[in-house]
């Protein structure tokens, strides 16, 4: 986001707030001068090619950029990853420690051969009436679990008239159609062998 240098200022703040974190900006082609400024902060920048089919509610854009950012984190030997959107900013400098503590305090209740630890999602957009709707805005977990979550196939459905407006469809129908974040969550559950 260029307005008020939001993305650059966010990354600059994160470098100070989370000095031991490896920061990765996984995005699309953008201004080369800003790119160089971000790299000069010590942020790894990944430039992705946009998928031809953006999918309903642009889900494929999130899949491509998030997955490639998490793959880069794994390649840097990061054990955990936090996926956040570039139009949002975390201000609490204890966030990463808090998230890690949550996973340690609340281990998985079942032995899983696939999932290693819990995933933690925080958002005002995750709520009781949003079926299978863990928000895709903020997600933290073991890097391998994050790859499982963001590793599903691209949603090859077109963004037809039925899906044009989020407000024109009920929460139940949104979940049934596996749209947006519901697509990610239900694919993750199926990967874990859950019905």
N, C-alpha and C. Protein backbone atom coordinates (compact mmCIF):
# COMPACT_ATOMS: atom_id res chain seq x y z
N UNK A 1 0.86 -1.17 0.00
CA UNK A 1 0.00 0.00 0.00
C UNK A 1 0.90 1.23 0.00
N UNK A 2 0.71 2.06 -0.99
CA UNK A 2 1.55 3.26 -1.13
C UNK A 2 1.09 4.42 -0.27
N UNK A 3 -0.22 4.52 -0.03
CA UNK A 3 -0.74 5.64 0.74
C UNK A 3 -0.07 5.69 2.11
N UNK A 4 0.50 6.83 2.43
CA UNK A 4 1.24 7.04 3.69
C UNK A 4 2.40 6.05 3.84
N UNK A 5 2.91 5.52 2.73
CA UNK A 5 4.01 4.54 2.76
C UNK A 5 3.69 3.38 3.70
N UNK A 6 2.42 2.95 3.72
CA UNK A 6 1.96 1.99 4.73
C UNK A 6 2.78 0.70 4.74
N UNK A 7 2.97 0.08 3.60
CA UNK A 7 3.70 -1.19 3.57
C UNK A 7 5.15 -1.00 4.02
N UNK A 8 5.81 0.01 3.47
CA UNK A 8 7.20 0.26 3.85
C UNK A 8 7.31 0.56 5.35
N UNK A 9 6.47 1.44 5.86
CA UNK A 9 6.52 1.79 7.28
C UNK A 9 6.19 0.60 8.17
N UNK A 10 5.30 -0.26 7.72
CA UNK A 10 4.97 -1.48 8.48
C UNK A 10 6.19 -2.38 8.57
N UNK A 11 6.85 -2.62 7.45
CA UNK A 11 8.03 -3.48 7.45
C UNK A 11 9.16 -2.86 8.28
N UNK A 12 9.31 -1.57 8.19
CA UNK A 12 10.32 -0.85 8.98
C UNK A 12 10.03 -1.04 10.48
N UNK A 13 8.77 -0.91 10.86
CA UNK A 13 8.37 -1.12 12.25
C UNK A 13 8.62 -2.57 12.68
N UNK A 14 8.27 -3.53 11.81
CA UNK A 14 8.47 -4.95 12.15
C UNK A 14 9.94 -5.27 12.37
N UNK A 15 10.82 -4.63 11.60
CA UNK A 15 12.27 -4.87 11.78
C UNK A 15 12.71 -4.47 13.19
N UNK A 16 12.11 -3.42 13.72
CA UNK A 16 12.44 -2.98 15.08
C UNK A 16 11.70 -3.80 16.13
N UNK A 17 10.43 -4.06 15.89
CA UNK A 17 9.58 -4.75 16.87
C UNK A 17 9.93 -6.22 17.00
N UNK A 18 10.32 -6.85 15.90
CA UNK A 18 10.63 -8.29 15.87
C UNK A 18 12.02 -8.50 15.28
N UNK A 19 13.08 -8.09 16.01
CA UNK A 19 14.42 -8.09 15.44
C UNK A 19 14.95 -9.48 15.07
N UNK A 20 14.43 -10.53 15.68
CA UNK A 20 14.91 -11.88 15.40
C UNK A 20 14.09 -12.60 14.34
N UNK A 21 13.05 -11.94 13.85
CA UNK A 21 12.18 -12.56 12.84
C UNK A 21 12.77 -12.35 11.44
N UNK A 22 12.58 -13.34 10.60
CA UNK A 22 12.96 -13.22 9.19
C UNK A 22 11.72 -12.71 8.46
N UNK A 23 11.78 -11.49 7.95
CA UNK A 23 10.62 -10.88 7.29
C UNK A 23 10.64 -11.17 5.80
N UNK A 24 9.47 -11.58 5.31
CA UNK A 24 9.32 -11.90 3.89
C UNK A 24 8.10 -11.16 3.37
N UNK A 25 8.27 -10.42 2.30
CA UNK A 25 7.15 -9.79 1.61
C UNK A 25 6.93 -10.57 0.33
N UNK A 26 5.85 -11.34 0.29
CA UNK A 26 5.50 -12.13 -0.89
C UNK A 26 4.37 -11.40 -1.60
N UNK A 27 4.66 -10.88 -2.77
CA UNK A 27 3.72 -9.95 -3.41
C UNK A 27 3.78 -10.08 -4.92
N UNK A 28 3.28 -9.07 -5.60
CA UNK A 28 3.24 -9.00 -7.06
C UNK A 28 4.20 -7.90 -7.52
N UNK A 29 4.37 -7.76 -8.81
CA UNK A 29 5.26 -6.73 -9.34
C UNK A 29 4.83 -5.35 -8.85
N UNK A 30 5.79 -4.56 -8.42
CA UNK A 30 5.50 -3.20 -7.96
C UNK A 30 6.70 -2.31 -8.23
N UNK A 31 6.58 -1.05 -7.92
CA UNK A 31 7.58 -0.03 -8.20
C UNK A 31 8.98 -0.46 -7.76
N UNK A 32 9.93 -0.40 -8.67
CA UNK A 32 11.30 -0.86 -8.40
C UNK A 32 11.98 -0.04 -7.32
N UNK A 33 11.70 1.26 -7.26
CA UNK A 33 12.32 2.10 -6.22
C UNK A 33 11.84 1.66 -4.84
N UNK A 34 10.56 1.38 -4.69
CA UNK A 34 10.03 0.90 -3.41
C UNK A 34 10.57 -0.49 -3.11
N UNK A 35 10.66 -1.32 -4.12
CA UNK A 35 11.24 -2.66 -3.96
C UNK A 35 12.64 -2.56 -3.37
N UNK A 36 13.47 -1.72 -3.94
CA UNK A 36 14.85 -1.56 -3.46
C UNK A 36 14.89 -1.00 -2.04
N UNK A 37 13.97 -0.09 -1.73
CA UNK A 37 13.89 0.47 -0.38
C UNK A 37 13.55 -0.61 0.65
N UNK A 38 12.63 -1.49 0.28
CA UNK A 38 12.23 -2.58 1.19
C UNK A 38 13.36 -3.57 1.37
N UNK A 39 14.03 -3.91 0.29
CA UNK A 39 15.18 -4.83 0.37
C UNK A 39 16.27 -4.23 1.25
N UNK A 40 16.46 -2.92 1.17
CA UNK A 40 17.50 -2.27 1.99
C UNK A 40 17.20 -2.37 3.48
N UNK A 41 15.95 -2.63 3.85
CA UNK A 41 15.60 -2.85 5.26
C UNK A 41 16.07 -4.22 5.75
N UNK A 42 16.40 -5.10 4.80
CA UNK A 42 16.75 -6.47 5.17
C UNK A 42 15.56 -7.41 5.07
N UNK A 43 14.57 -7.01 4.30
CA UNK A 43 13.37 -7.82 4.09
C UNK A 43 13.54 -8.62 2.80
N UNK A 44 13.25 -9.92 2.87
CA UNK A 44 13.27 -10.75 1.66
C UNK A 44 12.00 -10.45 0.87
N UNK A 45 12.16 -10.17 -0.42
CA UNK A 45 11.01 -9.86 -1.27
C UNK A 45 10.87 -10.96 -2.31
N UNK A 46 9.67 -11.50 -2.39
CA UNK A 46 9.35 -12.52 -3.39
C UNK A 46 8.33 -11.91 -4.34
N UNK A 47 8.65 -11.92 -5.62
CA UNK A 47 7.74 -11.41 -6.64
C UNK A 47 7.09 -12.62 -7.30
N UNK A 48 5.78 -12.70 -7.16
CA UNK A 48 5.01 -13.82 -7.70
C UNK A 48 4.36 -13.43 -9.02
N UNK A 49 4.10 -14.43 -9.83
CA UNK A 49 3.32 -14.24 -11.05
C UNK A 49 1.86 -14.48 -10.68
N UNK A 50 1.00 -13.56 -11.07
CA UNK A 50 -0.42 -13.71 -10.76
C UNK A 50 -1.00 -14.88 -11.54
N UNK A 51 -1.81 -15.71 -10.87
CA UNK A 51 -2.47 -16.80 -11.60
C UNK A 51 -3.47 -16.22 -12.60
N UNK A 52 -3.66 -16.91 -13.71
CA UNK A 52 -4.61 -16.43 -14.72
C UNK A 52 -6.02 -16.38 -14.16
N UNK A 53 -6.38 -17.41 -13.40
CA UNK A 53 -7.70 -17.47 -12.78
C UNK A 53 -7.54 -17.04 -11.32
N UNK A 54 -8.10 -15.88 -10.97
CA UNK A 54 -7.96 -15.36 -9.61
C UNK A 54 -8.81 -16.14 -8.61
N UNK A 55 -9.79 -16.90 -9.11
CA UNK A 55 -10.67 -17.67 -8.24
C UNK A 55 -11.70 -16.78 -7.57
N UNK A 56 -12.76 -17.42 -7.03
CA UNK A 56 -13.78 -16.64 -6.33
C UNK A 56 -13.17 -15.83 -5.18
N UNK A 57 -13.52 -14.57 -5.12
CA UNK A 57 -13.04 -13.66 -4.07
C UNK A 57 -11.51 -13.59 -4.03
N UNK A 58 -10.88 -13.77 -5.19
CA UNK A 58 -9.42 -13.66 -5.34
C UNK A 58 -8.64 -14.64 -4.47
N UNK A 59 -9.22 -15.78 -4.15
CA UNK A 59 -8.58 -16.75 -3.26
C UNK A 59 -7.24 -17.23 -3.81
N UNK A 60 -7.12 -17.32 -5.14
CA UNK A 60 -5.88 -17.83 -5.71
C UNK A 60 -4.71 -16.86 -5.53
N UNK A 61 -5.02 -15.55 -5.46
CA UNK A 61 -3.97 -14.58 -5.17
C UNK A 61 -3.39 -14.85 -3.78
N UNK A 62 -4.27 -15.09 -2.81
CA UNK A 62 -3.81 -15.38 -1.45
C UNK A 62 -3.04 -16.70 -1.40
N UNK A 63 -3.55 -17.71 -2.10
CA UNK A 63 -2.87 -19.00 -2.10
C UNK A 63 -1.45 -18.89 -2.64
N UNK A 64 -1.29 -18.25 -3.77
CA UNK A 64 0.03 -18.15 -4.41
C UNK A 64 0.99 -17.34 -3.55
N UNK A 65 0.59 -16.15 -3.14
CA UNK A 65 1.52 -15.30 -2.39
C UNK A 65 1.83 -15.87 -1.00
N UNK A 66 0.82 -16.38 -0.32
CA UNK A 66 1.04 -16.93 1.03
C UNK A 66 1.90 -18.18 0.97
N UNK A 67 1.55 -19.10 0.08
CA UNK A 67 2.31 -20.35 -0.04
C UNK A 67 3.78 -20.07 -0.36
N UNK A 68 4.03 -19.18 -1.32
CA UNK A 68 5.42 -18.90 -1.70
C UNK A 68 6.19 -18.21 -0.58
N UNK A 69 5.52 -17.38 0.19
CA UNK A 69 6.17 -16.77 1.35
C UNK A 69 6.52 -17.81 2.41
N UNK A 70 5.63 -18.75 2.64
CA UNK A 70 5.88 -19.80 3.65
C UNK A 70 6.96 -20.76 3.17
N UNK A 71 6.96 -21.08 1.89
CA UNK A 71 8.04 -21.91 1.34
C UNK A 71 9.39 -21.23 1.56
N UNK A 72 9.45 -19.93 1.33
CA UNK A 72 10.69 -19.18 1.56
C UNK A 72 11.09 -19.23 3.02
N UNK A 73 10.12 -19.15 3.93
CA UNK A 73 10.42 -19.23 5.37
C UNK A 73 11.01 -20.60 5.70
N UNK A 74 10.45 -21.64 5.15
CA UNK A 74 10.97 -23.00 5.38
C UNK A 74 12.39 -23.13 4.84
N UNK A 75 12.63 -22.56 3.67
CA UNK A 75 13.97 -22.60 3.07
C UNK A 75 14.98 -21.85 3.93
N UNK A 76 14.53 -20.88 4.73
CA UNK A 76 15.40 -20.14 5.64
C UNK A 76 15.48 -20.82 7.01
N UNK A 77 14.98 -22.06 7.08
CA UNK A 77 14.99 -22.87 8.30
C UNK A 77 14.16 -22.27 9.44
N UNK A 78 13.14 -21.50 9.09
CA UNK A 78 12.21 -21.00 10.10
C UNK A 78 11.34 -22.16 10.56
N UNK A 79 11.10 -22.24 11.85
CA UNK A 79 10.26 -23.33 12.37
C UNK A 79 8.79 -22.94 12.39
N UNK A 80 8.51 -21.64 12.48
CA UNK A 80 7.14 -21.15 12.54
C UNK A 80 6.99 -19.97 11.58
N UNK A 81 5.74 -19.74 11.17
CA UNK A 81 5.47 -18.64 10.25
C UNK A 81 4.19 -17.93 10.67
N UNK A 82 4.18 -16.64 10.44
CA UNK A 82 3.00 -15.82 10.66
C UNK A 82 2.66 -15.16 9.34
N UNK A 83 1.44 -15.43 8.87
CA UNK A 83 0.96 -14.82 7.63
C UNK A 83 0.03 -13.69 8.00
N UNK A 84 0.36 -12.48 7.55
CA UNK A 84 -0.51 -11.32 7.76
C UNK A 84 -0.67 -10.59 6.43
N UNK A 85 -1.75 -9.85 6.31
CA UNK A 85 -1.99 -9.08 5.11
C UNK A 85 -1.20 -7.78 5.15
N UNK A 86 -0.94 -7.22 3.97
CA UNK A 86 -0.16 -5.98 3.92
C UNK A 86 -1.01 -4.74 4.16
N UNK A 87 -2.31 -4.92 4.34
CA UNK A 87 -3.14 -3.76 4.68
C UNK A 87 -3.47 -3.73 6.17
N UNK A 88 -2.75 -4.53 6.94
CA UNK A 88 -2.93 -4.57 8.38
C UNK A 88 -1.56 -4.50 9.05
N UNK A 89 -1.56 -4.08 10.32
CA UNK A 89 -0.30 -3.94 11.04
C UNK A 89 -0.45 -4.43 12.47
N UNK A 90 0.53 -5.16 12.94
CA UNK A 90 0.58 -5.63 14.33
C UNK A 90 1.41 -4.62 15.11
N UNK A 91 0.89 -4.16 16.24
CA UNK A 91 1.62 -3.17 17.03
C UNK A 91 2.25 -3.74 18.29
N UNK A 92 1.76 -4.85 18.77
CA UNK A 92 2.28 -5.41 20.02
C UNK A 92 3.58 -6.17 19.77
N UNK A 93 4.65 -5.73 20.37
CA UNK A 93 5.97 -6.34 20.16
C UNK A 93 6.08 -7.74 20.78
N UNK A 94 5.12 -8.12 21.60
CA UNK A 94 5.13 -9.45 22.22
C UNK A 94 4.31 -10.47 21.43
N UNK A 95 3.79 -10.08 20.29
CA UNK A 95 2.88 -10.94 19.53
C UNK A 95 3.48 -12.30 19.21
N UNK A 96 4.69 -12.34 18.68
CA UNK A 96 5.28 -13.63 18.29
C UNK A 96 5.50 -14.53 19.50
N UNK A 97 5.96 -13.97 20.60
CA UNK A 97 6.13 -14.78 21.82
C UNK A 97 4.79 -15.28 22.32
N UNK A 98 3.77 -14.44 22.26
CA UNK A 98 2.42 -14.82 22.70
C UNK A 98 1.88 -15.97 21.85
N UNK A 99 2.03 -15.88 20.55
CA UNK A 99 1.53 -16.92 19.65
C UNK A 99 2.25 -18.24 19.89
N UNK A 100 3.56 -18.18 20.06
CA UNK A 100 4.34 -19.40 20.34
C UNK A 100 3.89 -20.01 21.66
N UNK A 101 3.65 -19.17 22.67
CA UNK A 101 3.19 -19.66 23.97
C UNK A 101 1.82 -20.31 23.88
N UNK A 102 0.94 -19.76 23.05
CA UNK A 102 -0.39 -20.35 22.87
C UNK A 102 -0.28 -21.78 22.34
N UNK A 103 0.57 -21.97 21.37
CA UNK A 103 0.74 -23.31 20.79
C UNK A 103 1.32 -24.27 21.82
N UNK A 104 2.26 -23.80 22.63
CA UNK A 104 2.87 -24.65 23.65
C UNK A 104 1.88 -24.97 24.78
N UNK A 105 1.05 -24.00 25.16
CA UNK A 105 0.08 -24.20 26.25
C UNK A 105 -1.11 -25.06 25.82
N UNK A 106 -1.41 -25.07 24.54
CA UNK A 106 -2.58 -25.81 24.05
C UNK A 106 -2.17 -26.76 22.93
N UNK A 107 -1.47 -27.85 23.29
CA UNK A 107 -1.04 -28.80 22.26
C UNK A 107 -2.25 -29.49 21.63
N UNK A 108 -2.03 -30.13 20.51
CA UNK A 108 -3.10 -30.90 19.87
C UNK A 108 -3.61 -31.95 20.84
N UNK A 109 -4.91 -32.15 20.85
CA UNK A 109 -5.50 -33.14 21.77
C UNK A 109 -5.39 -34.56 21.23
N UNK A 110 -5.14 -34.69 19.97
CA UNK A 110 -5.03 -36.02 19.37
C UNK A 110 -3.66 -36.17 18.72
N UNK A 111 -3.23 -37.40 18.62
CA UNK A 111 -1.96 -37.66 17.94
C UNK A 111 -2.21 -37.62 16.44
N UNK A 112 -1.54 -36.76 15.78
CA UNK A 112 -1.69 -36.61 14.34
C UNK A 112 -0.37 -36.94 13.66
N UNK A 113 -0.48 -37.72 12.61
CA UNK A 113 0.73 -38.02 11.84
C UNK A 113 0.96 -36.94 10.77
N UNK A 114 -0.02 -36.05 10.63
CA UNK A 114 0.08 -35.02 9.60
C UNK A 114 0.33 -33.65 10.21
N UNK A 115 -0.54 -33.22 11.11
CA UNK A 115 -0.43 -31.90 11.71
C UNK A 115 0.47 -31.96 12.93
N UNK A 116 1.41 -31.03 13.05
CA UNK A 116 2.37 -31.03 14.16
C UNK A 116 1.86 -30.25 15.37
N UNK A 117 1.29 -29.08 15.13
CA UNK A 117 0.84 -28.21 16.21
C UNK A 117 -0.46 -27.51 15.78
N UNK A 118 -1.05 -26.81 16.72
CA UNK A 118 -2.24 -26.02 16.39
C UNK A 118 -1.86 -24.85 15.49
N UNK A 119 -2.84 -24.38 14.76
CA UNK A 119 -2.72 -23.12 14.04
C UNK A 119 -3.50 -22.09 14.83
N UNK A 120 -3.01 -20.87 14.87
CA UNK A 120 -3.68 -19.80 15.61
C UNK A 120 -4.10 -18.72 14.61
N UNK A 121 -5.40 -18.45 14.60
CA UNK A 121 -5.93 -17.40 13.74
C UNK A 121 -6.59 -16.35 14.60
N UNK A 122 -6.34 -15.10 14.29
CA UNK A 122 -6.93 -14.01 15.05
C UNK A 122 -7.53 -13.02 14.06
N UNK A 123 -8.82 -12.71 14.26
CA UNK A 123 -9.44 -11.75 13.37
C UNK A 123 -10.82 -11.39 13.87
N UNK A 124 -11.24 -10.19 13.59
CA UNK A 124 -12.61 -9.79 13.87
C UNK A 124 -13.56 -10.45 12.87
N UNK A 125 -13.02 -11.03 11.82
CA UNK A 125 -13.84 -11.64 10.78
C UNK A 125 -14.09 -13.14 11.01
N UNK A 126 -13.53 -13.72 12.06
CA UNK A 126 -13.82 -15.11 12.42
C UNK A 126 -14.86 -15.06 13.54
N UNK A 127 -15.99 -15.67 13.30
CA UNK A 127 -17.04 -15.63 14.31
C UNK A 127 -17.89 -16.89 14.27
N UNK A 128 -18.70 -17.06 15.26
CA UNK A 128 -19.49 -18.27 15.47
C UNK A 128 -20.38 -18.63 14.28
N UNK A 129 -20.97 -17.66 13.63
CA UNK A 129 -21.90 -17.94 12.54
C UNK A 129 -21.19 -18.12 11.19
N UNK A 130 -19.89 -18.02 11.18
CA UNK A 130 -19.13 -18.18 9.94
C UNK A 130 -18.62 -19.63 9.90
N UNK A 131 -19.38 -20.49 9.29
CA UNK A 131 -19.09 -21.91 9.26
C UNK A 131 -17.75 -22.19 8.57
N UNK A 132 -16.90 -22.94 9.24
CA UNK A 132 -15.57 -23.30 8.70
C UNK A 132 -14.84 -22.06 8.20
N UNK A 133 -15.02 -20.97 8.90
CA UNK A 133 -14.53 -19.70 8.39
C UNK A 133 -13.40 -19.09 9.17
N UNK A 134 -12.36 -19.86 9.44
CA UNK A 134 -11.18 -19.26 10.05
C UNK A 134 -10.67 -18.19 9.09
N UNK A 135 -10.51 -17.00 9.60
CA UNK A 135 -10.11 -15.90 8.74
C UNK A 135 -8.73 -16.13 8.14
N UNK A 136 -8.57 -15.70 6.92
CA UNK A 136 -7.29 -15.86 6.22
C UNK A 136 -6.42 -14.61 6.37
N UNK A 137 -6.82 -13.69 7.25
CA UNK A 137 -6.08 -12.44 7.41
C UNK A 137 -4.83 -12.58 8.26
N UNK A 138 -4.86 -13.47 9.23
CA UNK A 138 -3.78 -13.58 10.21
C UNK A 138 -3.74 -15.04 10.66
N UNK A 139 -2.67 -15.75 10.34
CA UNK A 139 -2.57 -17.15 10.71
C UNK A 139 -1.13 -17.47 11.09
N UNK A 140 -0.98 -18.16 12.21
CA UNK A 140 0.35 -18.49 12.74
C UNK A 140 0.42 -19.98 13.04
N UNK A 141 1.59 -20.55 12.80
CA UNK A 141 1.78 -21.95 13.18
C UNK A 141 3.11 -22.49 12.73
N UNK A 142 3.30 -23.78 13.01
CA UNK A 142 4.47 -24.50 12.55
C UNK A 142 4.55 -24.36 11.03
N UNK A 143 5.71 -24.12 10.51
CA UNK A 143 5.86 -23.84 9.08
C UNK A 143 5.32 -25.00 8.23
N UNK A 144 5.47 -26.25 8.69
CA UNK A 144 4.95 -27.37 7.92
C UNK A 144 3.42 -27.40 7.94
N UNK A 145 2.82 -27.07 9.08
CA UNK A 145 1.37 -26.98 9.16
C UNK A 145 0.84 -25.84 8.30
N UNK A 146 1.57 -24.74 8.28
CA UNK A 146 1.17 -23.60 7.45
C UNK A 146 1.23 -23.98 5.96
N UNK A 147 2.23 -24.78 5.59
CA UNK A 147 2.31 -25.23 4.20
C UNK A 147 1.14 -26.15 3.86
N UNK A 148 0.72 -26.97 4.82
CA UNK A 148 -0.46 -27.81 4.60
C UNK A 148 -1.70 -26.94 4.39
N UNK A 149 -1.84 -25.92 5.22
CA UNK A 149 -3.02 -25.05 5.15
C UNK A 149 -3.06 -24.28 3.83
N UNK A 150 -1.95 -23.72 3.45
CA UNK A 150 -1.90 -22.89 2.24
C UNK A 150 -1.49 -23.69 1.01
N UNK A 151 -1.36 -25.01 1.15
CA UNK A 151 -0.87 -25.84 0.05
C UNK A 151 -1.93 -26.46 -0.82
N UNK A 152 -3.19 -26.10 -0.62
CA UNK A 152 -4.25 -26.72 -1.43
C UNK A 152 -4.15 -26.22 -2.88
N UNK A 153 -4.82 -26.95 -3.76
CA UNK A 153 -4.82 -26.58 -5.17
C UNK A 153 -5.55 -25.25 -5.36
N UNK A 154 -5.20 -24.57 -6.43
CA UNK A 154 -5.90 -23.33 -6.76
C UNK A 154 -7.37 -23.64 -7.01
N UNK A 155 -8.22 -22.70 -6.67
CA UNK A 155 -9.66 -22.83 -6.89
C UNK A 155 -9.91 -22.40 -8.33
N UNK A 156 -10.22 -23.35 -9.19
CA UNK A 156 -10.33 -23.07 -10.62
C UNK A 156 -11.72 -22.58 -11.05
N UNK A 157 -12.61 -22.40 -10.09
CA UNK A 157 -13.92 -21.86 -10.43
C UNK A 157 -13.75 -20.39 -10.84
N UNK A 158 -14.63 -19.94 -11.70
CA UNK A 158 -14.58 -18.53 -12.10
C UNK A 158 -15.34 -17.70 -11.08
N UNK A 159 -15.06 -16.43 -11.09
CA UNK A 159 -15.74 -15.52 -10.19
C UNK A 159 -17.05 -15.09 -10.86
N UNK A 160 -17.98 -16.05 -10.98
CA UNK A 160 -19.23 -15.83 -11.71
C UNK A 160 -20.14 -14.87 -10.95
N UNK A 161 -21.24 -14.53 -11.57
CA UNK A 161 -22.20 -13.60 -10.98
C UNK A 161 -22.66 -14.07 -9.59
N UNK A 162 -22.81 -15.36 -9.38
CA UNK A 162 -23.26 -15.90 -8.10
C UNK A 162 -22.35 -15.44 -6.97
N UNK A 163 -21.07 -15.28 -7.26
CA UNK A 163 -20.09 -14.97 -6.23
C UNK A 163 -19.68 -13.51 -6.21
N UNK A 164 -20.33 -12.65 -6.97
CA UNK A 164 -19.88 -11.26 -7.08
C UNK A 164 -19.93 -10.50 -5.76
N UNK A 165 -20.98 -10.70 -4.98
CA UNK A 165 -21.12 -9.92 -3.76
C UNK A 165 -21.16 -10.83 -2.54
N UNK A 166 -20.28 -10.59 -1.60
CA UNK A 166 -20.24 -11.38 -0.36
C UNK A 166 -21.53 -11.21 0.42
N UNK A 167 -22.13 -10.05 0.35
CA UNK A 167 -23.34 -9.77 1.12
C UNK A 167 -24.58 -10.39 0.50
N UNK A 168 -24.50 -10.84 -0.76
CA UNK A 168 -25.67 -11.39 -1.42
C UNK A 168 -25.84 -12.88 -1.17
N UNK A 169 -24.99 -13.47 -0.35
CA UNK A 169 -25.04 -14.90 -0.10
C UNK A 169 -25.01 -15.15 1.41
N UNK A 170 -25.79 -16.11 1.89
CA UNK A 170 -25.85 -16.39 3.32
C UNK A 170 -24.55 -17.05 3.79
N UNK A 171 -24.30 -17.00 5.09
CA UNK A 171 -23.10 -17.65 5.66
C UNK A 171 -23.11 -19.14 5.36
N UNK A 172 -24.28 -19.75 5.47
CA UNK A 172 -24.40 -21.19 5.22
C UNK A 172 -24.07 -21.52 3.76
N UNK A 173 -24.62 -20.74 2.83
CA UNK A 173 -24.35 -20.97 1.41
C UNK A 173 -22.88 -20.68 1.08
N UNK A 174 -22.32 -19.65 1.70
CA UNK A 174 -20.90 -19.32 1.51
C UNK A 174 -20.03 -20.51 1.90
N UNK A 175 -20.35 -21.13 3.04
CA UNK A 175 -19.59 -22.30 3.50
C UNK A 175 -19.82 -23.50 2.59
N UNK A 176 -21.09 -23.72 2.22
CA UNK A 176 -21.43 -24.86 1.36
C UNK A 176 -20.70 -24.77 0.02
N UNK A 177 -20.58 -23.55 -0.50
CA UNK A 177 -19.90 -23.34 -1.78
C UNK A 177 -18.36 -23.35 -1.63
N UNK A 178 -17.89 -23.39 -0.39
CA UNK A 178 -16.44 -23.37 -0.10
C UNK A 178 -15.78 -22.15 -0.76
N UNK A 179 -16.22 -20.98 -0.34
CA UNK A 179 -15.71 -19.74 -0.90
C UNK A 179 -14.76 -19.06 0.07
N UNK A 180 -13.82 -18.28 -0.47
CA UNK A 180 -12.90 -17.50 0.36
C UNK A 180 -12.14 -18.38 1.35
N UNK A 181 -12.06 -17.89 2.59
CA UNK A 181 -11.33 -18.61 3.63
C UNK A 181 -11.90 -19.98 3.92
N UNK A 182 -13.19 -20.18 3.64
CA UNK A 182 -13.81 -21.50 3.83
C UNK A 182 -13.17 -22.53 2.91
N UNK A 183 -12.78 -22.10 1.72
CA UNK A 183 -12.10 -22.99 0.78
C UNK A 183 -10.80 -23.51 1.40
N UNK A 184 -10.04 -22.61 2.02
CA UNK A 184 -8.77 -22.99 2.65
C UNK A 184 -9.01 -23.95 3.82
N UNK A 185 -9.95 -23.58 4.69
CA UNK A 185 -10.19 -24.34 5.92
C UNK A 185 -10.71 -25.75 5.61
N UNK A 186 -11.68 -25.87 4.70
CA UNK A 186 -12.23 -27.19 4.39
C UNK A 186 -11.21 -28.07 3.67
N UNK A 187 -10.38 -27.47 2.83
CA UNK A 187 -9.32 -28.26 2.19
C UNK A 187 -8.31 -28.75 3.22
N UNK A 188 -8.00 -27.92 4.21
CA UNK A 188 -7.08 -28.32 5.28
C UNK A 188 -7.68 -29.48 6.08
N UNK A 189 -8.96 -29.39 6.40
CA UNK A 189 -9.61 -30.47 7.14
C UNK A 189 -9.58 -31.77 6.33
N UNK A 190 -9.85 -31.69 5.04
CA UNK A 190 -9.81 -32.88 4.19
C UNK A 190 -8.40 -33.47 4.13
N UNK A 191 -7.39 -32.60 4.09
CA UNK A 191 -5.99 -33.07 4.10
C UNK A 191 -5.69 -33.85 5.37
N UNK A 192 -6.31 -33.43 6.48
CA UNK A 192 -6.11 -34.11 7.77
C UNK A 192 -6.97 -35.35 7.90
N UNK A 193 -7.80 -35.61 6.89
CA UNK A 193 -8.67 -36.80 6.91
C UNK A 193 -9.94 -36.58 7.71
N UNK A 194 -10.32 -35.32 7.92
CA UNK A 194 -11.54 -35.02 8.67
C UNK A 194 -12.68 -34.80 7.68
N UNK A 195 -13.87 -35.28 8.05
CA UNK A 195 -15.01 -35.14 7.18
C UNK A 195 -15.64 -33.78 7.39
